[in-house]
Structure formats: C-alpha cells, structure tokens
Amino acid sequence: MPNHSLRVGVLTGGGDCPGLNAALRAVTKSLTLQHDAEVLGFRDGFRGLVNRTVEPLRYRDVSGILTRGGTILGASNKADPFNYMPRGGADVSAQVVKTYRNLDLDALVAIGGDGTMSIAHRLTDLGVDIVGVPKTIDNDLVGTDHTVGFDTAVSIATDALDRIHTTAQSHHRVMIVETMGRYAGWIALHAGVASGADVILLPEIEYEVDEVAQVCRDRERSGQRFTIVAVAEGARRKGEDYVVQERGQEYTDSIRLGGISRVLADQLREPLDTSIRTTVLGHMQRGGSPTAYDRNLATALGTRAAALAAAGTTGVMVAVQDDAFTQVPLREIADKTRTVPGDHPLLASGLDVGTSFGVDDLEIRDGATAASLSQEG
C-alpha cells in the first residue's frame, strides 16, 4: 500500500437497497476530495473483512453510480463475524480486527441496518473505529427518523397499490397487498396512507379478522364493491404469532417473515362472499434506482460520515433527527428496533380519513392519547 495520511475502509452490510451506491459514492468522493484519503472497499459486507477481500476505491470507481440500485461492493446478511455461518457459526471477530490492523486503517465506514449497527457496536469494543451510515427499507433503526432506501421502497409499494386499485375496482374484489418491513410497519403505513388503502395492518397493532371483514362488508353495502388491504409482513392476528416463511440459522435473523397476505385471505373467505386476491411485493421493494430523496439523503449522510471518520469521531452512526443531521452513539442503537409508535401522526391522519387498522378505532385513539399525555408529563 502507498504511503497515506488517512486510510478509511467502507462496506455495505446486510441486505441490498436503493441508495447504497449513492452512499458509497458520497463517502469515497468526500474522503478523496476533502481529506486526501485512501479509501478501501470490502467485498460482501463483513465477509470482506473476514477474508480480506478488499480493493481500492478511487474517485473514478464511484463516478456514475449515484442512480444505480444495489451496491458495487456486494452485500451479505450471512456474514456476522460473531456468528459466521460460512464457518458453522464460529466467532471470527478476531480475524476482522486483524484485517483492520494489518491494513493500517484509521476508520471503517459501515453502511447498513440494525444488524450491521449491532455488529459495528461489538467491533468497536474490540478496537475497530467505526462510523455507521443508516440504510434499510424497513426504516426501523433507532436514533434516526429516516434511513437510506426507505423512501424508494415506499414509492414502489405505493405505485403497486395504486395499480392494484384498478383491478380491484374492475373485478369487485378484496385485494391484499403484502409489503416488507419485518417487525416494523413503516412501509405499509406510509404506502397505505399514500395510496388510500382501506385497511392497513401493522405489526404494532394486532388485527381482528371481524374488524377487517366488517370494513369489506360496509364498503360493499355502500356501493364501493372493492377493498384494498395493505398488510405488513410482520402483521399478525390478535393473540397469534408471526407468519414465518422460512427458518434458518444462516441469516442474521433466524426467521424470515412472509405469507401473512395468504393467511389473511384464508381468514376472510368464511365471513366474506367477495372474491379475494393477494399480491406479495417482495424484493422488488429493494431494487431499482433510488428516488431523489434517497439519493440526497445518502449523499448527505455519506459526506457527514466521511467527515467524522477523518476527524477521528467514531463509535457513532450519522442520523437525521427532526430534519437536522446529527450522530448517535452505536451503543444506544445496538440490538434495538424502531417501530411505529401509537401516537404517530400518520396513524391519526389515517383514522381521520376512515382508514381501518384492523381494530376498533377507539383502541388506537385511546393509545395515542395516553402516549401523548405520557410524553407531556
């Protein structure tokens, strides 16, 4: 390696999402232009640190990737160095530290979601200097109001729901559209309200089948012979567990949620005579070119992460709070999930325009009131 005044590594951990390349571009260009730094990119997330699969990232290497989806470095959600599945779940964190030190890195920028930030926090305790950049379509990272990729996922889900409307109206059907989001309902909430979904089911509010069926019957009696249901993959019937698509220890999370749309359809067929169809949006929410908002967010967070790394301010994640850029300690966000609070204004707005969340409206309104009073107290 050539002599340098500053050498910074960068990786994209976890699943892919729109805006990763924009963040890589921002980190690399900012470090190169503003801090005369050498940037090294690790292949396939933390796997690159374990195997030392690394390559220089120069200005020209990241030119022209702002609008591209995915990540030029690759990503992996099976490369937790503390539970490394390619080696049978072994703890290979010592190898990560060895790679970091042997490459004489001054800092590492880790672009990822909650799993990546939890790993990053544990690595900081071992002496790896890390700055995190929040990305996930789920928007479920504690400490930031927005994550890279979320806006694009919402736009894709909204467009899908808009298109489903025409089929639902034409064939007089109940159409159930399943979004991603794991244990948080941010995508379903934002896309559902934006598209005018009649029912929105979230992991944070356990639904009752009778309430959902009643909405469908009421709409048919009023002459609106179709119903649009937006359901998050982590939604569940009151008193029941999550619907699991797949189990396996090879993933950061041992279960993969999915299939709630089909389960809900089966639950509704007995109380309803209406034809019911389901659509699972799946990974299309994670693909394609990022929206202008995600490109700008990735650029702003990436350049801020570069500045912090250059200044030696590590052990933090850059974030957005109340429309201002800041940073939060990794220890405050590790192993936590940001879910939709009961007093979120979009819930109240949905209720005000007649959207059902699968339970009696008063249950939500009372919870929002109690939460508001608790915050004021």
Protein backbone atom coordinates (compact mmCIF):
# COMPACT_ATOMS: atom_id res chain seq x y z
CA MET A 1 0.00 0.00 0.00
CA PRO A 2 1.24 3.52 -0.77
CA ASN A 3 2.01 6.00 1.95
CA HIS A 4 -1.01 7.91 3.14
CA SER A 5 -2.12 10.41 5.71
CA LEU A 6 -5.55 8.82 6.13
CA ARG A 7 -6.85 5.38 5.14
CA VAL A 8 -10.53 4.50 5.56
CA GLY A 9 -12.37 1.28 4.78
CA VAL A 10 -16.01 1.09 3.70
CA LEU A 11 -18.52 -1.75 3.38
CA THR A 12 -22.22 -2.31 2.74
CA GLY A 13 -23.67 -4.82 5.19
CA GLY A 14 -26.97 -6.67 5.37
CA GLY A 15 -29.46 -6.70 2.53
CA ASP A 16 -29.24 -4.53 -0.54
CA CYS A 17 -31.42 -1.47 -1.03
CA PRO A 18 -31.68 1.57 -3.30
CA GLY A 19 -29.22 4.28 -2.29
CA LEU A 20 -26.27 2.12 -1.26
CA ASN A 21 -24.24 3.16 -4.28
CA ALA A 22 -25.13 6.78 -3.65
CA ALA A 23 -23.77 6.45 -0.10
CA LEU A 24 -20.61 4.71 -1.32
CA ARG A 25 -20.09 7.49 -3.84
CA ALA A 26 -20.51 10.17 -1.17
CA VAL A 27 -18.14 8.53 1.30
CA THR A 28 -15.46 7.85 -1.31
CA LYS A 29 -15.58 11.16 -3.15
CA SER A 30 -15.75 13.21 0.04
CA LEU A 31 -12.82 11.38 1.64
CA THR A 32 -10.80 11.67 -1.57
CA LEU A 33 -11.51 15.30 -2.37
CA GLN A 34 -11.84 16.86 1.08
CA HIS A 35 -9.42 14.78 3.14
CA ASP A 36 -6.90 13.40 0.63
CA ALA A 37 -7.65 9.95 1.98
CA GLU A 38 -7.15 6.49 0.55
CA VAL A 39 -10.41 4.50 0.54
CA LEU A 40 -10.59 0.71 0.58
CA GLY A 41 -13.82 -1.12 -0.22
CA PHE A 42 -14.59 -4.50 1.38
CA ARG A 43 -16.49 -7.04 -0.70
CA ASP A 44 -19.79 -8.50 0.52
CA GLY A 45 -20.11 -6.71 3.81
CA PHE A 46 -18.25 -8.04 6.85
CA ARG A 47 -17.26 -11.11 4.83
CA GLY A 48 -14.70 -8.90 3.12
CA LEU A 49 -13.12 -8.10 6.47
CA VAL A 50 -13.01 -11.76 7.44
CA ASN A 51 -11.49 -12.93 4.14
CA ARG A 52 -9.59 -9.72 3.38
CA THR A 53 -11.29 -9.33 0.03
CA VAL A 54 -10.63 -5.66 -0.43
CA GLU A 55 -9.95 -3.27 -3.29
CA PRO A 56 -9.07 0.41 -3.63
CA LEU A 57 -11.99 2.75 -4.26
CA ARG A 58 -10.92 5.76 -6.26
CA TYR A 59 -12.84 8.77 -7.46
CA ARG A 60 -13.40 7.26 -10.91
CA ASP A 61 -14.56 3.95 -9.42
CA VAL A 62 -17.62 5.59 -7.88
CA SER A 63 -18.41 8.03 -10.69
CA GLY A 64 -21.68 7.29 -12.45
CA ILE A 65 -23.17 5.10 -9.71
CA LEU A 66 -25.39 7.68 -7.98
CA THR A 67 -28.53 6.49 -9.76
CA ARG A 68 -27.78 2.77 -9.70
CA GLY A 69 -29.58 0.43 -7.33
CA GLY A 70 -27.79 -2.21 -5.29
CA THR A 71 -24.14 -1.94 -4.31
CA ILE A 72 -20.99 -2.25 -6.39
CA LEU A 73 -19.26 -3.83 -3.39
CA GLY A 74 -21.86 -6.52 -2.82
CA ALA A 75 -23.62 -7.25 0.45
CA SER A 76 -24.33 -10.20 2.70
CA ASN A 77 -26.75 -10.86 5.55
CA LYS A 78 -24.96 -14.09 6.48
CA ALA A 79 -21.60 -12.62 7.46
CA ASP A 80 -21.93 -11.73 11.14
CA PRO A 81 -18.31 -12.17 12.31
CA PHE A 82 -19.53 -13.11 15.78
CA ASN A 83 -21.71 -15.89 14.31
CA TYR A 84 -20.08 -16.56 10.95
CA MET A 85 -22.22 -19.07 9.07
CA PRO A 86 -19.68 -19.93 6.33
CA ARG A 87 -17.65 -21.44 9.19
CA GLY A 88 -20.52 -23.07 11.06
CA GLY A 89 -21.42 -20.13 13.27
CA ALA A 90 -17.88 -19.56 14.55
CA ASP A 91 -16.72 -16.32 16.16
CA VAL A 92 -14.22 -14.90 13.68
CA SER A 93 -14.23 -11.36 15.03
CA ALA A 94 -10.51 -11.66 15.81
CA GLN A 95 -9.87 -12.06 12.09
CA VAL A 96 -11.81 -8.84 11.44
CA VAL A 97 -9.66 -6.97 13.93
CA LYS A 98 -6.53 -8.49 12.39
CA THR A 99 -7.54 -7.36 8.88
CA TYR A 100 -8.37 -3.90 10.15
CA ARG A 101 -4.99 -3.52 11.83
CA ASN A 102 -2.91 -5.16 9.09
CA LEU A 103 -4.39 -2.77 6.52
CA ASP A 104 -3.48 0.11 8.83
CA LEU A 105 -6.97 1.58 8.66
CA ASP A 106 -7.78 4.75 10.56
CA ALA A 107 -11.51 4.12 10.46
CA LEU A 108 -14.22 1.97 8.88
CA VAL A 109 -17.50 3.29 7.47
CA ALA A 110 -20.22 0.63 7.76
CA ILE A 111 -23.35 1.28 5.70
CA GLY A 112 -26.17 -0.92 6.94
CA GLY A 113 -29.24 -1.57 9.02
CA ASP A 114 -29.88 -2.69 12.58
CA GLY A 115 -27.88 -5.91 12.23
CA THR A 116 -24.90 -4.06 10.78
CA MET A 117 -25.01 -1.41 13.51
CA SER A 118 -25.22 -4.05 16.25
CA ILE A 119 -22.18 -5.82 14.80
CA ALA A 120 -20.40 -2.47 14.46
CA HIS A 121 -21.01 -1.71 18.13
CA ARG A 122 -19.48 -5.03 19.21
CA LEU A 123 -16.47 -4.45 16.96
CA THR A 124 -15.86 -1.01 18.47
CA ASP A 125 -15.38 -2.76 21.81
CA LEU A 126 -12.58 -4.73 20.13
CA GLY A 127 -10.82 -1.60 18.94
CA VAL A 128 -12.24 -1.12 15.45
CA ASP A 129 -13.06 2.57 14.84
CA ILE A 130 -16.41 2.64 13.03
CA VAL A 131 -18.81 5.26 11.71
CA GLY A 132 -22.22 3.91 10.71
CA VAL A 133 -24.49 5.09 7.90
CA PRO A 134 -28.14 4.01 8.31
CA LYS A 135 -29.69 2.16 5.38
CA THR A 136 -32.69 -0.14 5.33
CA ILE A 137 -36.00 -0.10 3.51
CA ASP A 138 -37.63 -1.04 6.83
CA ASN A 139 -36.81 2.35 8.45
CA ASP A 140 -36.54 0.51 11.76
CA LEU A 141 -33.21 1.85 13.03
CA VAL A 142 -33.34 3.54 16.41
CA GLY A 143 -31.78 7.01 16.57
CA THR A 144 -32.72 8.27 13.11
CA ASP A 145 -36.00 9.42 11.58
CA HIS A 146 -35.02 8.32 8.07
CA THR A 147 -32.87 5.57 6.61
CA VAL A 148 -31.46 5.30 3.10
CA GLY A 149 -33.74 3.13 0.95
CA PHE A 150 -36.99 3.67 2.82
CA ASP A 151 -38.37 6.40 0.58
CA THR A 152 -37.75 4.34 -2.54
CA ALA A 153 -39.43 1.27 -1.03
CA VAL A 154 -42.46 3.36 -0.07
CA SER A 155 -42.65 4.79 -3.59
CA ILE A 156 -42.53 1.31 -5.13
CA ALA A 157 -45.16 -0.05 -2.73
CA THR A 158 -47.38 2.99 -3.29
CA ASP A 159 -47.18 2.58 -7.05
CA ALA A 160 -48.10 -1.11 -6.71
CA LEU A 161 -51.10 -0.30 -4.52
CA ASP A 162 -52.20 2.39 -6.99
CA ARG A 163 -52.13 -0.18 -9.81
CA ILE A 164 -53.97 -2.77 -7.73
CA HIS A 165 -56.84 -0.27 -7.35
CA THR A 166 -57.84 -0.56 -11.00
CA THR A 167 -58.03 -4.36 -10.90
CA ALA A 168 -59.92 -4.29 -7.60
CA GLN A 169 -62.48 -1.83 -8.96
CA SER A 170 -62.94 -3.70 -12.24
CA HIS A 171 -63.48 -7.13 -10.69
CA HIS A 172 -65.09 -6.06 -7.38
CA ARG A 173 -62.52 -7.84 -5.28
CA VAL A 174 -60.79 -7.62 -1.95
CA MET A 175 -57.14 -7.13 -2.87
CA ILE A 176 -54.50 -7.79 -0.21
CA VAL A 177 -51.02 -6.38 -0.87
CA GLU A 178 -48.16 -7.57 1.36
CA THR A 179 -45.20 -5.27 1.97
CA MET A 180 -41.84 -5.90 3.60
CA GLY A 181 -40.67 -4.31 6.85
CA ARG A 182 -40.05 -7.22 9.23
CA TYR A 183 -41.25 -6.27 12.73
CA ALA A 184 -41.97 -2.62 11.87
CA GLY A 185 -44.89 -1.32 9.83
CA TRP A 186 -43.34 1.82 8.36
CA ILE A 187 -43.60 0.79 4.69
CA ALA A 188 -47.18 -0.45 4.97
CA LEU A 189 -48.23 2.65 6.92
CA HIS A 190 -46.69 5.22 4.57
CA ALA A 191 -47.60 3.42 1.34
CA GLY A 192 -51.05 2.54 2.62
CA VAL A 193 -51.95 6.09 3.56
CA ALA A 194 -50.38 7.47 0.37
CA SER A 195 -52.42 5.11 -1.83
CA GLY A 196 -55.68 5.43 0.09
CA ALA A 197 -55.76 1.81 1.24
CA ASP A 198 -58.99 1.00 3.05
CA VAL A 199 -57.30 -1.26 5.60
CA ILE A 200 -53.69 -1.08 6.82
CA LEU A 201 -52.41 -3.88 9.04
CA LEU A 202 -49.21 -3.33 11.02
CA PRO A 203 -47.06 -5.47 13.34
CA GLU A 204 -47.58 -2.86 16.06
CA ILE A 205 -51.37 -3.31 16.09
CA GLU A 206 -52.64 -6.90 16.25
CA TYR A 207 -55.68 -7.10 13.98
CA GLU A 208 -59.07 -8.74 14.42
CA VAL A 209 -60.48 -10.63 11.44
CA ASP A 210 -64.04 -9.49 12.23
CA GLU A 211 -62.98 -5.84 12.04
CA VAL A 212 -61.33 -6.32 8.64
CA ALA A 213 -64.33 -8.29 7.33
CA GLN A 214 -66.72 -5.60 8.57
CA VAL A 215 -64.86 -2.93 6.58
CA CYS A 216 -65.25 -5.04 3.44
CA ARG A 217 -68.97 -5.60 4.06
CA ASP A 218 -69.62 -1.95 4.85
CA ARG A 219 -67.91 -0.84 1.65
CA GLU A 220 -69.93 -3.26 -0.45
CA ARG A 221 -73.19 -2.14 1.13
CA SER A 222 -72.32 1.48 0.41
CA GLY A 223 -71.74 0.73 -3.27
CA GLN A 224 -67.93 0.56 -3.11
CA ARG A 225 -67.61 -3.01 -4.29
CA PHE A 226 -63.90 -3.44 -3.65
CA THR A 227 -61.45 -3.14 -0.74
CA ILE A 228 -57.71 -2.53 -0.73
CA VAL A 229 -55.76 -4.01 2.20
CA ALA A 230 -52.10 -3.11 2.76
CA VAL A 231 -50.54 -5.59 5.16
CA ALA A 232 -47.00 -5.56 6.55
CA GLU A 233 -45.24 -8.92 6.53
CA GLY A 234 -44.96 -8.75 10.33
CA ALA A 235 -48.67 -8.16 10.92
CA ARG A 236 -50.47 -10.79 12.96
CA ARG A 237 -53.94 -11.66 14.19
CA LYS A 238 -54.66 -10.77 17.79
CA GLY A 239 -53.32 -13.48 20.08
CA GLU A 240 -51.38 -15.26 17.33
CA ASP A 241 -47.72 -15.40 16.36
CA TYR A 242 -45.95 -14.04 13.28
CA VAL A 243 -46.39 -15.85 9.98
CA VAL A 244 -42.98 -17.32 9.13
CA GLN A 245 -41.87 -18.06 5.59
CA GLU A 246 -38.56 -19.70 6.42
CA ARG A 247 -36.41 -20.59 9.40
CA GLY A 248 -32.65 -20.94 9.34
CA GLN A 249 -29.65 -20.07 11.44
CA GLU A 250 -27.70 -18.89 8.39
CA TYR A 251 -29.40 -15.48 8.49
CA THR A 252 -28.74 -12.62 10.89
CA ASP A 253 -32.37 -13.05 11.95
CA SER A 254 -33.17 -16.75 12.37
CA ILE A 255 -36.65 -16.39 10.82
CA ARG A 256 -37.85 -14.81 7.59
CA LEU A 257 -41.34 -13.40 7.80
CA GLY A 258 -43.76 -13.66 4.90
CA GLY A 259 -47.08 -15.12 3.82
CA ILE A 260 -49.44 -13.11 6.04
CA SER A 261 -51.40 -11.98 2.94
CA ARG A 262 -52.38 -15.56 2.10
CA VAL A 263 -53.18 -16.33 5.73
CA LEU A 264 -55.40 -13.25 5.93
CA ALA A 265 -57.14 -14.20 2.68
CA ASP A 266 -57.98 -17.62 4.15
CA GLN A 267 -59.26 -15.95 7.33
CA LEU A 268 -61.57 -13.67 5.33
CA ARG A 269 -63.06 -16.27 2.96
CA GLU A 270 -65.51 -17.60 5.54
CA PRO A 271 -67.06 -14.25 6.62
CA LEU A 272 -67.00 -12.80 3.08
CA ASP A 273 -68.59 -13.82 -0.23
CA THR A 274 -66.33 -11.43 -2.15
CA SER A 275 -63.53 -12.72 -4.35
CA ILE A 276 -60.14 -12.24 -2.64
CA ARG A 277 -56.72 -11.98 -4.27
CA THR A 278 -53.26 -11.50 -2.80
CA THR A 279 -50.08 -9.84 -4.07
CA VAL A 280 -46.71 -10.14 -2.33
CA LEU A 281 -44.43 -7.29 -3.39
CA GLY A 282 -41.31 -8.94 -2.03
CA HIS A 283 -37.84 -7.96 -3.14
CA MET A 284 -38.97 -5.55 -5.84
CA GLN A 285 -39.22 -3.03 -2.98
CA ARG A 286 -35.45 -3.31 -2.54
CA GLY A 287 -34.50 -2.95 -6.19
CA GLY A 288 -34.12 -0.34 -8.86
CA SER A 289 -32.94 3.24 -8.93
CA PRO A 290 -33.28 5.28 -5.70
CA THR A 291 -35.64 8.21 -5.50
CA ALA A 292 -34.29 11.75 -5.48
CA TYR A 293 -34.89 11.88 -1.72
CA ASP A 294 -32.83 8.74 -1.09
CA ARG A 295 -30.03 9.98 -3.35
CA ASN A 296 -29.86 13.25 -1.44
CA LEU A 297 -30.13 11.53 1.95
CA ALA A 298 -27.37 9.07 1.06
CA THR A 299 -25.15 11.90 -0.16
CA ALA A 300 -25.69 13.98 2.97
CA LEU A 301 -25.18 11.08 5.38
CA GLY A 302 -22.21 9.73 3.42
CA THR A 303 -20.34 13.02 3.39
CA ARG A 304 -21.04 13.53 7.08
CA ALA A 305 -19.73 10.03 7.85
CA ALA A 306 -16.59 10.82 5.86
CA ALA A 307 -16.03 14.00 7.85
CA LEU A 308 -16.46 12.20 11.17
CA ALA A 309 -14.09 9.41 10.13
CA ALA A 310 -11.48 11.96 9.06
CA ALA A 311 -11.85 13.81 12.37
CA GLY A 312 -11.45 10.62 14.39
CA THR A 313 -15.02 10.72 15.72
CA THR A 314 -16.02 7.06 15.66
CA GLY A 315 -18.29 4.70 17.53
CA VAL A 316 -21.26 6.63 16.18
CA MET A 317 -23.91 6.44 13.45
CA VAL A 318 -24.84 9.50 11.42
CA ALA A 319 -28.54 10.23 11.63
CA VAL A 320 -31.45 12.52 10.87
CA GLN A 321 -33.49 13.83 13.78
CA ASP A 322 -36.16 16.50 13.41
CA ASP A 323 -34.88 17.43 9.93
CA ALA A 324 -31.33 18.03 11.24
CA PHE A 325 -28.23 15.90 10.72
CA THR A 326 -26.53 14.57 13.81
CA GLN A 327 -24.82 11.44 15.13
CA VAL A 328 -25.76 8.95 17.83
CA PRO A 329 -23.52 6.52 19.75
CA LEU A 330 -23.66 2.97 18.41
CA ARG A 331 -24.20 1.69 21.94
CA GLU A 332 -27.56 3.49 22.05
CA ILE A 333 -28.94 1.82 18.94
CA ALA A 334 -27.42 -1.68 19.00
CA ASP A 335 -29.89 -4.58 19.27
CA LYS A 336 -32.92 -2.26 19.18
CA THR A 337 -35.79 -1.85 16.73
CA ARG A 338 -37.68 1.33 15.91
CA THR A 339 -41.37 0.53 15.45
CA VAL A 340 -44.38 2.71 14.67
CA PRO A 341 -45.45 4.42 17.93
CA GLY A 342 -49.10 4.52 18.91
CA ASP A 343 -49.12 8.31 18.75
CA HIS A 344 -47.62 8.63 15.29
CA PRO A 345 -49.42 11.44 13.40
CA LEU A 346 -49.87 9.33 10.26
CA LEU A 347 -51.94 6.85 12.27
CA ALA A 348 -54.21 9.66 13.42
CA SER A 349 -54.45 11.05 9.89
CA GLY A 350 -55.39 7.63 8.55
CA LEU A 351 -58.13 7.26 11.13
CA ASP A 352 -59.46 10.72 10.32
CA VAL A 353 -59.98 9.81 6.66
CA GLY A 354 -61.66 6.49 7.50
CA THR A 355 -58.76 4.04 7.23
CA SER A 356 -59.11 0.92 9.34
CA PHE A 357 -56.13 -0.55 11.17
CA GLY A 358 -57.87 -3.83 11.90
CA VAL A 359 -59.17 -2.97 15.36
CA ASP A 360 -61.78 -0.64 16.82
CA ASP A 361 -60.68 2.93 16.15
CA LEU A 362 -61.01 3.84 19.81
CA GLU A 363 -58.26 1.36 20.75
CA ILE A 364 -55.81 3.31 18.63
CA ARG A 365 -57.09 6.77 19.52
CA ASP A 366 -57.01 5.96 23.25
CA GLY A 367 -53.47 4.64 22.94
CA ALA A 368 -52.36 7.74 21.05
CA THR A 369 -53.91 9.97 23.68
CA ALA A 370 -52.27 8.05 26.51
CA ALA A 371 -48.89 8.18 24.75
CA SER A 372 -49.23 11.92 24.15
CA LEU A 373 -50.14 12.58 27.77
CA SER A 374 -47.21 10.42 28.91
CA GLN A 375 -44.80 12.41 26.74
CA GLU A 376 -46.18 15.71 28.02
CA GLY A 377 -45.80 14.50 31.57
